[in-house]
Amino acid sequence: MAKLGSIELKADQDIAKGNKTPFNHLFLSADLWQTFQLLEDVQNDKTKIRVAVSNGDSFKTKANATKKKGEYTNCVQLLSRDDFTKKIVATDDIKKGDKLTLTLETL
């Protein structure tokens, strides 16, 4: 697995350990537009990605865009619309305002 990038986002709601929430409800929509620099190339519908949230679990998907290493991108451009409805299970209590690290890696 190669790291594609990571960003720090603030939780937009409280979630007790073991509970689920859709990925797009965990963060403010505007925060998902935060840019990060890609550390590897990605190809639309070919590059398999693992999206991991600190204090939460992860999900697998495919890149929804073709981008080159060094380009700046964001979650909205790189992930598909369906990815934002995937459920994240809290592995620890998450409080609104907590800073969570979102990490994207290739599979």
N, C-alpha and C. Protein backbone atom coordinates (compact mmCIF):
# COMPACT_ATOMS: atom_id res chain seq x y z
N MET A 1 0.84 -1.18 0.00
CA MET A 1 0.00 0.00 0.00
C MET A 1 0.88 1.25 0.00
N ALA A 2 0.53 2.18 -0.86
CA ALA A 2 1.23 3.45 -0.92
C ALA A 2 0.28 4.55 -0.46
N LYS A 3 0.79 5.44 0.34
CA LYS A 3 -0.02 6.55 0.82
C LYS A 3 -0.25 7.55 -0.31
N LEU A 4 -1.52 7.93 -0.50
CA LEU A 4 -1.88 8.93 -1.50
C LEU A 4 -1.88 10.33 -0.90
N GLY A 5 -2.22 10.43 0.37
CA GLY A 5 -2.28 11.71 1.04
C GLY A 5 -3.13 11.62 2.29
N SER A 6 -3.10 12.68 3.08
CA SER A 6 -3.94 12.75 4.27
C SER A 6 -4.26 14.20 4.58
N ILE A 7 -5.37 14.38 5.27
CA ILE A 7 -5.80 15.71 5.70
C ILE A 7 -6.41 15.59 7.09
N GLU A 8 -6.41 16.69 7.81
CA GLU A 8 -7.03 16.73 9.13
C GLU A 8 -8.34 17.48 9.01
N LEU A 9 -9.42 16.83 9.47
CA LEU A 9 -10.76 17.41 9.39
C LEU A 9 -11.39 17.41 10.78
N LYS A 10 -12.32 18.33 11.02
CA LYS A 10 -13.04 18.37 12.29
C LYS A 10 -14.34 17.58 12.19
N ALA A 11 -14.59 16.76 13.21
CA ALA A 11 -15.85 16.02 13.27
C ALA A 11 -17.00 17.02 13.42
N ASP A 12 -18.10 16.75 12.73
CA ASP A 12 -19.26 17.65 12.78
C ASP A 12 -20.38 17.11 13.65
N GLN A 13 -20.12 15.97 14.32
CA GLN A 13 -21.14 15.41 15.20
C GLN A 13 -20.50 14.48 16.22
N ASP A 14 -21.23 14.20 17.28
CA ASP A 14 -20.80 13.22 18.27
C ASP A 14 -21.20 11.83 17.78
N ILE A 15 -20.29 10.88 17.95
CA ILE A 15 -20.60 9.49 17.60
C ILE A 15 -20.00 8.61 18.69
N ALA A 16 -20.82 7.83 19.33
CA ALA A 16 -20.34 6.93 20.38
C ALA A 16 -19.62 5.74 19.75
N LYS A 17 -18.65 5.22 20.46
CA LYS A 17 -17.89 4.05 20.00
C LYS A 17 -18.85 2.94 19.59
N GLY A 18 -18.63 2.39 18.40
CA GLY A 18 -19.46 1.29 17.89
C GLY A 18 -20.62 1.75 17.02
N ASN A 19 -20.98 3.03 17.08
CA ASN A 19 -22.08 3.54 16.25
C ASN A 19 -21.59 3.88 14.85
N LYS A 20 -22.54 3.93 13.90
CA LYS A 20 -22.24 4.21 12.50
C LYS A 20 -22.80 5.56 12.09
N THR A 21 -22.12 6.17 11.13
CA THR A 21 -22.63 7.39 10.51
C THR A 21 -22.14 7.42 9.07
N PRO A 22 -22.93 7.99 8.15
CA PRO A 22 -22.42 8.12 6.78
C PRO A 22 -21.19 9.02 6.75
N PHE A 23 -20.24 8.68 5.91
CA PHE A 23 -18.99 9.42 5.78
C PHE A 23 -19.24 10.92 5.61
N ASN A 24 -20.23 11.30 4.77
CA ASN A 24 -20.47 12.72 4.51
C ASN A 24 -21.15 13.43 5.68
N HIS A 25 -21.68 12.72 6.65
CA HIS A 25 -22.27 13.35 7.83
C HIS A 25 -21.26 13.58 8.93
N LEU A 26 -20.13 12.87 8.86
CA LEU A 26 -19.11 12.98 9.89
C LEU A 26 -18.39 14.32 9.84
N PHE A 27 -18.28 14.90 8.64
CA PHE A 27 -17.55 16.16 8.45
C PHE A 27 -18.45 17.20 7.79
N LEU A 28 -18.10 18.47 7.95
CA LEU A 28 -18.78 19.53 7.21
C LEU A 28 -18.51 19.34 5.72
N SER A 29 -19.49 19.57 4.89
CA SER A 29 -19.31 19.43 3.44
C SER A 29 -18.15 20.28 2.93
N ALA A 30 -18.05 21.50 3.44
CA ALA A 30 -16.98 22.40 2.99
C ALA A 30 -15.60 21.84 3.31
N ASP A 31 -15.48 21.11 4.42
CA ASP A 31 -14.18 20.55 4.81
C ASP A 31 -13.71 19.47 3.83
N LEU A 32 -14.64 18.78 3.20
CA LEU A 32 -14.28 17.72 2.25
C LEU A 32 -13.66 18.29 0.97
N TRP A 33 -13.74 19.60 0.81
CA TRP A 33 -13.10 20.29 -0.33
C TRP A 33 -11.66 20.70 -0.01
N GLN A 34 -11.22 20.44 1.23
CA GLN A 34 -9.85 20.79 1.62
C GLN A 34 -8.87 20.03 0.74
N THR A 35 -7.89 20.74 0.19
CA THR A 35 -6.97 20.11 -0.76
C THR A 35 -5.76 19.47 -0.07
N PHE A 36 -5.23 18.47 -0.75
CA PHE A 36 -4.00 17.82 -0.33
C PHE A 36 -3.24 17.43 -1.59
N GLN A 37 -1.94 17.26 -1.45
CA GLN A 37 -1.09 16.91 -2.60
C GLN A 37 -0.99 15.40 -2.72
N LEU A 38 -1.25 14.88 -3.92
CA LEU A 38 -1.16 13.44 -4.16
C LEU A 38 0.29 12.99 -4.14
N LEU A 39 0.52 11.88 -3.47
CA LEU A 39 1.86 11.32 -3.37
C LEU A 39 2.11 10.22 -4.40
N GLU A 40 1.06 9.83 -5.13
CA GLU A 40 1.14 8.81 -6.18
C GLU A 40 0.13 9.16 -7.28
N ASP A 41 0.32 8.62 -8.49
CA ASP A 41 -0.66 8.74 -9.57
C ASP A 41 -1.90 7.93 -9.22
N VAL A 42 -3.06 8.38 -9.69
CA VAL A 42 -4.30 7.60 -9.60
C VAL A 42 -5.00 7.63 -10.95
N GLN A 43 -5.64 6.51 -11.28
CA GLN A 43 -6.38 6.42 -12.54
C GLN A 43 -7.85 6.17 -12.26
N ASN A 44 -8.70 6.92 -12.95
CA ASN A 44 -10.14 6.81 -12.80
C ASN A 44 -10.60 5.37 -12.98
N ASP A 45 -11.34 4.86 -12.00
CA ASP A 45 -11.96 3.54 -12.01
C ASP A 45 -10.96 2.38 -12.05
N LYS A 46 -9.67 2.67 -11.87
CA LYS A 46 -8.67 1.60 -11.86
C LYS A 46 -7.91 1.53 -10.54
N THR A 47 -7.53 2.67 -9.99
CA THR A 47 -6.76 2.68 -8.75
C THR A 47 -7.68 2.38 -7.58
N LYS A 48 -7.37 1.30 -6.86
CA LYS A 48 -8.14 0.94 -5.67
C LYS A 48 -7.59 1.72 -4.49
N ILE A 49 -8.52 2.26 -3.70
CA ILE A 49 -8.16 3.16 -2.60
C ILE A 49 -8.80 2.67 -1.30
N ARG A 50 -8.05 2.81 -0.22
CA ARG A 50 -8.57 2.60 1.13
C ARG A 50 -8.66 3.98 1.77
N VAL A 51 -9.84 4.33 2.27
CA VAL A 51 -10.07 5.61 2.95
C VAL A 51 -10.23 5.30 4.43
N ALA A 52 -9.30 5.80 5.25
CA ALA A 52 -9.31 5.52 6.69
C ALA A 52 -9.51 6.80 7.48
N VAL A 53 -10.32 6.70 8.53
CA VAL A 53 -10.60 7.83 9.41
C VAL A 53 -10.06 7.49 10.79
N SER A 54 -9.23 8.36 11.39
CA SER A 54 -8.77 8.11 12.75
C SER A 54 -9.99 8.07 13.67
N ASN A 55 -9.96 7.19 14.66
CA ASN A 55 -11.09 6.95 15.57
C ASN A 55 -12.30 6.36 14.86
N GLY A 56 -12.11 5.90 13.62
CA GLY A 56 -13.17 5.25 12.86
C GLY A 56 -12.56 4.16 11.99
N ASP A 57 -13.41 3.42 11.33
CA ASP A 57 -12.88 2.36 10.47
C ASP A 57 -12.59 2.92 9.08
N SER A 58 -12.46 2.04 8.11
CA SER A 58 -12.12 2.47 6.75
C SER A 58 -13.07 1.82 5.76
N PHE A 59 -13.00 2.29 4.52
CA PHE A 59 -13.74 1.64 3.44
C PHE A 59 -12.88 1.63 2.19
N LYS A 60 -13.23 0.73 1.27
CA LYS A 60 -12.49 0.58 0.02
C LYS A 60 -13.32 1.13 -1.12
N THR A 61 -12.63 1.69 -2.10
CA THR A 61 -13.29 2.27 -3.26
C THR A 61 -12.30 2.30 -4.42
N LYS A 62 -12.70 2.93 -5.50
CA LYS A 62 -11.82 3.17 -6.64
C LYS A 62 -11.78 4.67 -6.90
N ALA A 63 -10.66 5.13 -7.44
CA ALA A 63 -10.52 6.55 -7.75
C ALA A 63 -11.60 6.96 -8.74
N ASN A 64 -12.14 8.14 -8.55
CA ASN A 64 -13.17 8.67 -9.43
C ASN A 64 -12.61 9.75 -10.35
N ALA A 65 -11.27 9.81 -10.46
CA ALA A 65 -10.61 10.80 -11.30
C ALA A 65 -9.21 10.29 -11.62
N THR A 66 -8.65 10.80 -12.70
CA THR A 66 -7.26 10.52 -13.04
C THR A 66 -6.44 11.75 -12.65
N LYS A 67 -5.46 11.53 -11.80
CA LYS A 67 -4.62 12.62 -11.30
C LYS A 67 -3.17 12.14 -11.26
N LYS A 68 -2.26 13.07 -11.37
CA LYS A 68 -0.83 12.77 -11.36
C LYS A 68 -0.23 13.08 -9.98
N LYS A 69 0.81 12.35 -9.64
CA LYS A 69 1.57 12.60 -8.43
C LYS A 69 1.97 14.08 -8.39
N GLY A 70 1.79 14.72 -7.25
CA GLY A 70 2.14 16.12 -7.09
C GLY A 70 0.97 17.07 -7.30
N GLU A 71 -0.10 16.61 -7.98
CA GLU A 71 -1.28 17.45 -8.17
C GLU A 71 -2.00 17.63 -6.84
N TYR A 72 -2.70 18.76 -6.73
CA TYR A 72 -3.55 18.99 -5.57
C TYR A 72 -4.96 18.54 -5.92
N THR A 73 -5.60 17.86 -4.97
CA THR A 73 -6.95 17.37 -5.16
C THR A 73 -7.68 17.43 -3.83
N ASN A 74 -8.91 16.94 -3.80
CA ASN A 74 -9.68 16.87 -2.57
C ASN A 74 -10.59 15.65 -2.62
N CYS A 75 -11.26 15.37 -1.54
CA CYS A 75 -12.12 14.18 -1.47
C CYS A 75 -13.27 14.24 -2.49
N VAL A 76 -13.81 15.42 -2.68
CA VAL A 76 -14.95 15.56 -3.60
C VAL A 76 -14.55 15.20 -5.03
N GLN A 77 -13.33 15.55 -5.42
CA GLN A 77 -12.87 15.23 -6.77
C GLN A 77 -12.42 13.78 -6.91
N LEU A 78 -11.85 13.23 -5.85
CA LEU A 78 -11.21 11.92 -5.94
C LEU A 78 -12.16 10.75 -5.66
N LEU A 79 -13.19 10.99 -4.87
CA LEU A 79 -14.13 9.92 -4.51
C LEU A 79 -15.44 10.07 -5.27
N SER A 80 -16.17 8.98 -5.39
CA SER A 80 -17.46 9.02 -6.10
C SER A 80 -18.57 9.46 -5.15
N ARG A 81 -19.67 9.84 -5.71
CA ARG A 81 -20.83 10.27 -4.92
C ARG A 81 -21.27 9.17 -3.95
N ASP A 82 -21.24 7.91 -4.41
CA ASP A 82 -21.64 6.79 -3.56
C ASP A 82 -20.74 6.62 -2.34
N ASP A 83 -19.47 6.99 -2.47
CA ASP A 83 -18.53 6.85 -1.35
C ASP A 83 -18.94 7.70 -0.15
N PHE A 84 -19.57 8.82 -0.40
CA PHE A 84 -19.92 9.72 0.69
C PHE A 84 -21.07 9.20 1.54
N THR A 85 -21.78 8.19 1.06
CA THR A 85 -22.87 7.61 1.84
C THR A 85 -22.44 6.33 2.58
N LYS A 86 -21.20 5.90 2.37
CA LYS A 86 -20.70 4.71 3.07
C LYS A 86 -20.62 4.99 4.55
N LYS A 87 -20.96 3.96 5.34
CA LYS A 87 -20.99 4.11 6.80
C LYS A 87 -19.60 3.95 7.40
N ILE A 88 -19.31 4.83 8.35
CA ILE A 88 -18.09 4.76 9.14
C ILE A 88 -18.50 4.35 10.55
N VAL A 89 -17.84 3.32 11.09
CA VAL A 89 -18.09 2.87 12.46
C VAL A 89 -17.03 3.50 13.36
N ALA A 90 -17.47 4.15 14.42
CA ALA A 90 -16.54 4.77 15.36
C ALA A 90 -15.83 3.68 16.16
N THR A 91 -14.50 3.67 16.12
CA THR A 91 -13.71 2.71 16.89
C THR A 91 -13.38 3.27 18.27
N ASP A 92 -13.68 4.54 18.47
CA ASP A 92 -13.53 5.23 19.74
C ASP A 92 -14.58 6.34 19.74
N ASP A 93 -14.90 6.89 20.90
CA ASP A 93 -15.86 7.99 20.95
C ASP A 93 -15.33 9.17 20.14
N ILE A 94 -16.20 9.75 19.34
CA ILE A 94 -15.86 10.94 18.55
C ILE A 94 -16.77 12.07 19.03
N LYS A 95 -16.18 13.19 19.34
CA LYS A 95 -16.94 14.37 19.78
C LYS A 95 -16.90 15.43 18.69
N LYS A 96 -18.01 16.16 18.55
CA LYS A 96 -18.05 17.26 17.59
C LYS A 96 -16.89 18.21 17.86
N GLY A 97 -16.14 18.54 16.81
CA GLY A 97 -14.99 19.41 16.94
C GLY A 97 -13.66 18.67 17.05
N ASP A 98 -13.72 17.34 17.31
CA ASP A 98 -12.48 16.56 17.35
C ASP A 98 -11.78 16.64 16.00
N LYS A 99 -10.46 16.72 16.03
CA LYS A 99 -9.68 16.71 14.79
C LYS A 99 -9.38 15.25 14.45
N LEU A 100 -9.82 14.84 13.26
CA LEU A 100 -9.63 13.48 12.78
C LEU A 100 -8.77 13.49 11.52
N THR A 101 -7.89 12.53 11.41
CA THR A 101 -7.05 12.42 10.23
C THR A 101 -7.70 11.47 9.23
N LEU A 102 -7.86 11.96 8.02
CA LEU A 102 -8.39 11.16 6.92
C LEU A 102 -7.19 10.79 6.05
N THR A 103 -6.95 9.49 5.91
CA THR A 103 -5.80 9.00 5.14
C THR A 103 -6.29 8.17 3.96
N LEU A 104 -5.72 8.43 2.78
CA LEU A 104 -6.04 7.67 1.58
C LEU A 104 -4.79 6.92 1.14
N GLU A 105 -4.97 5.61 0.89
CA GLU A 105 -3.85 4.74 0.45
C GLU A 105 -4.30 3.90 -0.72
N THR A 106 -3.35 3.51 -1.54
CA THR A 106 -3.67 2.57 -2.62
C THR A 106 -3.70 1.17 -2.04
N LEU A 107 -4.44 0.29 -2.71
CA LEU A 107 -4.51 -1.12 -2.31
C LEU A 107 -3.79 -1.98 -3.33
